[in-house]
Amino acid sequence: MPQENKTDRYVSFVGIEGDQNSRELMEMLRVHIDDPCKSNRFWELFTEKLERVGQPDKNGGRCLDELFLIHSYINNIRELFEQYDDQPALALLEQIEMESC
């Protein structure tokens, strides 16, 4: 049985700032992937997807959001944050995974 003070993501997303947390994590990610010394072709393509967030007309009718991209590429994102020892970003990624993915 879930603890009283802990949000159960499988019952409700009430009290979870999923959209805000996802946007914040993308800002933390961009600090790394916008740096040419840290980027590569994968992150360049990821950035193109990120630029289509909320624009279904530029994505074949599908409306992407930050949470979808986090969920889809969570292992790549985690690996990058680990590589650069970005502990605040790793903590937020963990929170997002537990609450929303």
N, C-alpha and C. Protein backbone atom coordinates (compact mmCIF):
# COMPACT_ATOMS: atom_id res chain seq x y z
N MET A 1 0.85 -1.18 0.00
CA MET A 1 0.00 0.00 0.00
C MET A 1 0.89 1.25 0.00
N PRO A 2 0.61 2.24 -0.87
CA PRO A 2 1.43 3.46 -0.94
C PRO A 2 1.40 4.24 0.36
N GLN A 3 2.50 4.89 0.65
CA GLN A 3 2.57 5.75 1.83
C GLN A 3 1.64 6.93 1.64
N GLU A 4 1.08 7.42 2.72
CA GLU A 4 0.14 8.53 2.67
C GLU A 4 0.75 9.80 2.09
N ASN A 5 2.01 10.09 2.38
CA ASN A 5 2.62 11.34 1.98
C ASN A 5 3.32 11.26 0.62
N LYS A 6 3.19 10.16 -0.07
CA LYS A 6 3.87 9.97 -1.34
C LYS A 6 2.83 9.88 -2.45
N THR A 7 3.03 10.63 -3.52
CA THR A 7 2.11 10.61 -4.64
C THR A 7 2.26 9.29 -5.38
N ASP A 8 1.16 8.64 -5.66
CA ASP A 8 1.18 7.39 -6.41
C ASP A 8 0.88 7.71 -7.87
N ARG A 9 1.90 7.67 -8.71
CA ARG A 9 1.77 8.07 -10.11
C ARG A 9 0.78 7.20 -10.87
N TYR A 10 0.49 6.01 -10.39
CA TYR A 10 -0.43 5.15 -11.11
C TYR A 10 -1.89 5.43 -10.78
N VAL A 11 -2.11 6.27 -9.79
CA VAL A 11 -3.47 6.64 -9.43
C VAL A 11 -3.80 8.02 -9.97
N SER A 12 -2.86 8.95 -9.85
CA SER A 12 -3.14 10.32 -10.24
C SER A 12 -1.84 11.08 -10.48
N PHE A 13 -1.90 12.06 -11.37
CA PHE A 13 -0.78 12.95 -11.57
C PHE A 13 -0.97 14.25 -10.78
N VAL A 14 -1.99 14.29 -9.91
CA VAL A 14 -2.24 15.45 -9.08
C VAL A 14 -1.03 15.69 -8.18
N GLY A 15 -0.57 16.92 -8.15
CA GLY A 15 0.56 17.27 -7.31
C GLY A 15 1.91 17.05 -7.95
N ILE A 16 1.92 16.54 -9.16
CA ILE A 16 3.17 16.31 -9.89
C ILE A 16 3.30 17.39 -10.94
N GLU A 17 4.40 18.09 -10.93
CA GLU A 17 4.66 19.16 -11.90
C GLU A 17 5.41 18.59 -13.10
N GLY A 18 4.80 17.62 -13.78
CA GLY A 18 5.44 16.91 -14.87
C GLY A 18 5.91 17.79 -16.01
N ASP A 19 5.06 18.69 -16.46
CA ASP A 19 5.44 19.56 -17.57
C ASP A 19 6.56 20.51 -17.17
N GLN A 20 6.42 21.11 -16.01
CA GLN A 20 7.44 22.05 -15.53
C GLN A 20 8.77 21.33 -15.31
N ASN A 21 8.74 20.17 -14.68
CA ASN A 21 9.96 19.41 -14.43
C ASN A 21 10.62 18.99 -15.75
N SER A 22 9.81 18.60 -16.72
CA SER A 22 10.34 18.18 -18.02
C SER A 22 11.01 19.34 -18.74
N ARG A 23 10.39 20.50 -18.69
CA ARG A 23 11.00 21.68 -19.32
C ARG A 23 12.31 22.05 -18.62
N GLU A 24 12.31 21.98 -17.30
CA GLU A 24 13.51 22.30 -16.53
C GLU A 24 14.64 21.32 -16.87
N LEU A 25 14.30 20.03 -16.99
CA LEU A 25 15.31 19.05 -17.33
C LEU A 25 15.87 19.30 -18.73
N MET A 26 15.02 19.71 -19.66
CA MET A 26 15.50 20.00 -21.01
C MET A 26 16.45 21.19 -21.00
N GLU A 27 16.20 22.17 -20.15
CA GLU A 27 17.13 23.30 -20.01
C GLU A 27 18.47 22.81 -19.48
N MET A 28 18.44 21.90 -18.53
CA MET A 28 19.67 21.34 -17.97
C MET A 28 20.42 20.53 -19.03
N LEU A 29 19.67 19.81 -19.83
CA LEU A 29 20.27 19.02 -20.90
C LEU A 29 20.90 19.92 -21.96
N ARG A 30 20.21 21.00 -22.30
CA ARG A 30 20.72 21.90 -23.34
C ARG A 30 22.05 22.53 -22.94
N VAL A 31 22.30 22.72 -21.65
CA VAL A 31 23.59 23.24 -21.21
C VAL A 31 24.72 22.36 -21.76
N HIS A 32 24.48 21.07 -21.80
CA HIS A 32 25.49 20.13 -22.29
C HIS A 32 25.45 20.00 -23.81
N ILE A 33 24.28 19.71 -24.36
CA ILE A 33 24.24 19.38 -25.79
C ILE A 33 24.38 20.58 -26.70
N ASP A 34 24.21 21.79 -26.17
CA ASP A 34 24.44 22.98 -26.98
C ASP A 34 25.93 23.37 -27.01
N ASP A 35 26.71 22.70 -26.20
CA ASP A 35 28.16 22.92 -26.18
C ASP A 35 28.77 22.04 -27.27
N PRO A 36 29.36 22.62 -28.31
CA PRO A 36 29.92 21.82 -29.41
C PRO A 36 30.95 20.79 -28.94
N CYS A 37 31.61 21.03 -27.83
CA CYS A 37 32.59 20.07 -27.31
C CYS A 37 31.93 18.84 -26.68
N LYS A 38 30.66 18.96 -26.33
CA LYS A 38 29.95 17.86 -25.68
C LYS A 38 28.92 17.21 -26.60
N SER A 39 28.64 17.80 -27.72
CA SER A 39 27.58 17.31 -28.59
C SER A 39 28.12 16.31 -29.60
N ASN A 40 27.21 15.66 -30.28
CA ASN A 40 27.53 14.76 -31.37
C ASN A 40 26.30 14.67 -32.27
N ARG A 41 26.34 13.86 -33.29
CA ARG A 41 25.23 13.80 -34.25
C ARG A 41 23.92 13.38 -33.56
N PHE A 42 24.01 12.46 -32.60
CA PHE A 42 22.80 12.03 -31.89
C PHE A 42 22.12 13.23 -31.23
N TRP A 43 22.91 14.02 -30.50
CA TRP A 43 22.32 15.15 -29.78
C TRP A 43 21.87 16.25 -30.74
N GLU A 44 22.52 16.38 -31.88
CA GLU A 44 22.05 17.34 -32.89
C GLU A 44 20.67 16.93 -33.40
N LEU A 45 20.47 15.64 -33.66
CA LEU A 45 19.15 15.16 -34.09
C LEU A 45 18.12 15.28 -32.98
N PHE A 46 18.54 15.02 -31.75
CA PHE A 46 17.65 15.18 -30.60
C PHE A 46 17.20 16.64 -30.50
N THR A 47 18.13 17.57 -30.68
CA THR A 47 17.80 19.00 -30.62
C THR A 47 16.77 19.36 -31.68
N GLU A 48 16.87 18.77 -32.85
CA GLU A 48 15.87 19.01 -33.90
C GLU A 48 14.50 18.55 -33.45
N LYS A 49 14.43 17.40 -32.78
CA LYS A 49 13.15 16.92 -32.25
C LYS A 49 12.65 17.88 -31.17
N LEU A 50 13.54 18.31 -30.32
CA LEU A 50 13.16 19.22 -29.24
C LEU A 50 12.60 20.52 -29.79
N GLU A 51 13.13 20.97 -30.89
CA GLU A 51 12.63 22.20 -31.50
C GLU A 51 11.23 22.03 -32.11
N ARG A 52 10.79 20.79 -32.30
CA ARG A 52 9.45 20.53 -32.83
C ARG A 52 8.41 20.29 -31.73
N VAL A 53 8.81 20.42 -30.48
CA VAL A 53 7.88 20.24 -29.36
C VAL A 53 6.73 21.24 -29.51
N GLY A 54 5.51 20.73 -29.40
CA GLY A 54 4.33 21.58 -29.48
C GLY A 54 4.00 22.07 -30.87
N GLN A 55 4.62 21.49 -31.88
CA GLN A 55 4.39 21.93 -33.26
C GLN A 55 4.04 20.72 -34.14
N PRO A 56 2.83 20.20 -34.02
CA PRO A 56 2.47 19.01 -34.80
C PRO A 56 2.57 19.22 -36.31
N ASP A 57 2.40 20.45 -36.77
CA ASP A 57 2.50 20.72 -38.20
C ASP A 57 3.93 20.51 -38.72
N LYS A 58 4.91 20.51 -37.83
CA LYS A 58 6.30 20.29 -38.22
C LYS A 58 6.77 18.88 -37.87
N ASN A 59 5.82 18.04 -37.43
CA ASN A 59 6.19 16.69 -36.99
C ASN A 59 5.18 15.65 -37.50
N GLY A 60 4.75 15.80 -38.72
CA GLY A 60 3.84 14.83 -39.31
C GLY A 60 2.52 14.68 -38.58
N GLY A 61 2.06 15.73 -37.92
CA GLY A 61 0.78 15.71 -37.23
C GLY A 61 0.87 15.26 -35.78
N ARG A 62 2.00 14.72 -35.37
CA ARG A 62 2.18 14.29 -33.97
C ARG A 62 2.70 15.44 -33.14
N CYS A 63 2.11 15.61 -31.97
CA CYS A 63 2.54 16.68 -31.08
C CYS A 63 3.48 16.11 -30.01
N LEU A 64 4.76 16.41 -30.16
CA LEU A 64 5.75 15.98 -29.17
C LEU A 64 5.72 16.90 -27.96
N ASP A 65 6.11 16.36 -26.82
CA ASP A 65 6.35 17.20 -25.65
C ASP A 65 7.64 16.73 -24.98
N GLU A 66 8.13 17.52 -24.06
CA GLU A 66 9.39 17.22 -23.41
C GLU A 66 9.36 15.89 -22.68
N LEU A 67 8.24 15.59 -22.00
CA LEU A 67 8.14 14.34 -21.24
C LEU A 67 8.25 13.13 -22.17
N PHE A 68 7.62 13.21 -23.33
CA PHE A 68 7.73 12.11 -24.30
C PHE A 68 9.18 11.89 -24.69
N LEU A 69 9.91 12.97 -24.95
CA LEU A 69 11.31 12.84 -25.34
C LEU A 69 12.15 12.29 -24.20
N ILE A 70 11.87 12.72 -22.99
CA ILE A 70 12.60 12.18 -21.83
C ILE A 70 12.35 10.69 -21.72
N HIS A 71 11.10 10.32 -21.80
CA HIS A 71 10.74 8.90 -21.68
C HIS A 71 11.40 8.08 -22.79
N SER A 72 11.40 8.61 -24.00
CA SER A 72 11.94 7.88 -25.15
C SER A 72 13.45 7.74 -25.11
N TYR A 73 14.13 8.71 -24.52
CA TYR A 73 15.60 8.74 -24.55
C TYR A 73 16.21 8.79 -23.16
N ILE A 74 15.50 8.25 -22.19
CA ILE A 74 15.92 8.37 -20.80
C ILE A 74 17.32 7.81 -20.55
N ASN A 75 17.65 6.70 -21.18
CA ASN A 75 18.97 6.11 -20.96
C ASN A 75 20.08 6.96 -21.55
N ASN A 76 19.84 7.54 -22.72
CA ASN A 76 20.84 8.42 -23.33
C ASN A 76 21.04 9.67 -22.49
N ILE A 77 19.93 10.21 -21.99
CA ILE A 77 19.99 11.42 -21.17
C ILE A 77 20.74 11.12 -19.87
N ARG A 78 20.40 10.01 -19.25
CA ARG A 78 21.07 9.63 -18.00
C ARG A 78 22.58 9.45 -18.23
N GLU A 79 22.93 8.78 -19.31
CA GLU A 79 24.35 8.56 -19.61
C GLU A 79 25.10 9.88 -19.77
N LEU A 80 24.49 10.84 -20.44
CA LEU A 80 25.14 12.14 -20.63
C LEU A 80 25.34 12.85 -19.29
N PHE A 81 24.30 12.86 -18.46
CA PHE A 81 24.42 13.52 -17.15
C PHE A 81 25.46 12.81 -16.28
N GLU A 82 25.52 11.50 -16.36
CA GLU A 82 26.54 10.76 -15.61
C GLU A 82 27.94 11.08 -16.12
N GLN A 83 28.07 11.16 -17.44
CA GLN A 83 29.37 11.45 -18.04
C GLN A 83 29.93 12.78 -17.53
N TYR A 84 29.05 13.76 -17.36
CA TYR A 84 29.49 15.08 -16.91
C TYR A 84 29.22 15.32 -15.42
N ASP A 85 28.89 14.24 -14.71
CA ASP A 85 28.66 14.28 -13.27
C ASP A 85 27.73 15.43 -12.87
N ASP A 86 26.63 15.54 -13.61
CA ASP A 86 25.64 16.59 -13.34
C ASP A 86 24.62 16.03 -12.35
N GLN A 87 24.95 16.12 -11.08
CA GLN A 87 24.12 15.54 -10.03
C GLN A 87 22.73 16.18 -9.91
N PRO A 88 22.59 17.51 -10.01
CA PRO A 88 21.24 18.08 -9.96
C PRO A 88 20.36 17.57 -11.11
N ALA A 89 20.93 17.45 -12.30
CA ALA A 89 20.16 16.95 -13.44
C ALA A 89 19.79 15.48 -13.25
N LEU A 90 20.73 14.69 -12.73
CA LEU A 90 20.43 13.28 -12.45
C LEU A 90 19.32 13.14 -11.42
N ALA A 91 19.33 14.00 -10.41
CA ALA A 91 18.28 13.94 -9.38
C ALA A 91 16.93 14.28 -9.97
N LEU A 92 16.89 15.31 -10.81
CA LEU A 92 15.62 15.67 -11.44
C LEU A 92 15.16 14.58 -12.40
N LEU A 93 16.09 14.00 -13.14
CA LEU A 93 15.73 12.90 -14.04
C LEU A 93 15.13 11.74 -13.27
N GLU A 94 15.73 11.40 -12.15
CA GLU A 94 15.21 10.33 -11.29
C GLU A 94 13.80 10.65 -10.81
N GLN A 95 13.60 11.90 -10.40
CA GLN A 95 12.27 12.33 -9.93
C GLN A 95 11.25 12.18 -11.05
N ILE A 96 11.61 12.64 -12.24
CA ILE A 96 10.69 12.56 -13.38
C ILE A 96 10.38 11.11 -13.70
N GLU A 97 11.40 10.27 -13.67
CA GLU A 97 11.18 8.86 -13.96
C GLU A 97 10.23 8.22 -12.96
N MET A 98 10.42 8.53 -11.69
CA MET A 98 9.56 7.95 -10.66
C MET A 98 8.13 8.49 -10.72
N GLU A 99 7.98 9.76 -11.03
CA GLU A 99 6.65 10.37 -10.99
C GLU A 99 5.88 10.24 -12.30
N SER A 100 6.58 10.22 -13.43
CA SER A 100 5.87 10.45 -14.68
C SER A 100 6.13 9.45 -15.80
N CYS A 101 7.17 8.65 -15.70
CA CYS A 101 7.48 7.74 -16.82
C CYS A 101 6.98 6.34 -16.59
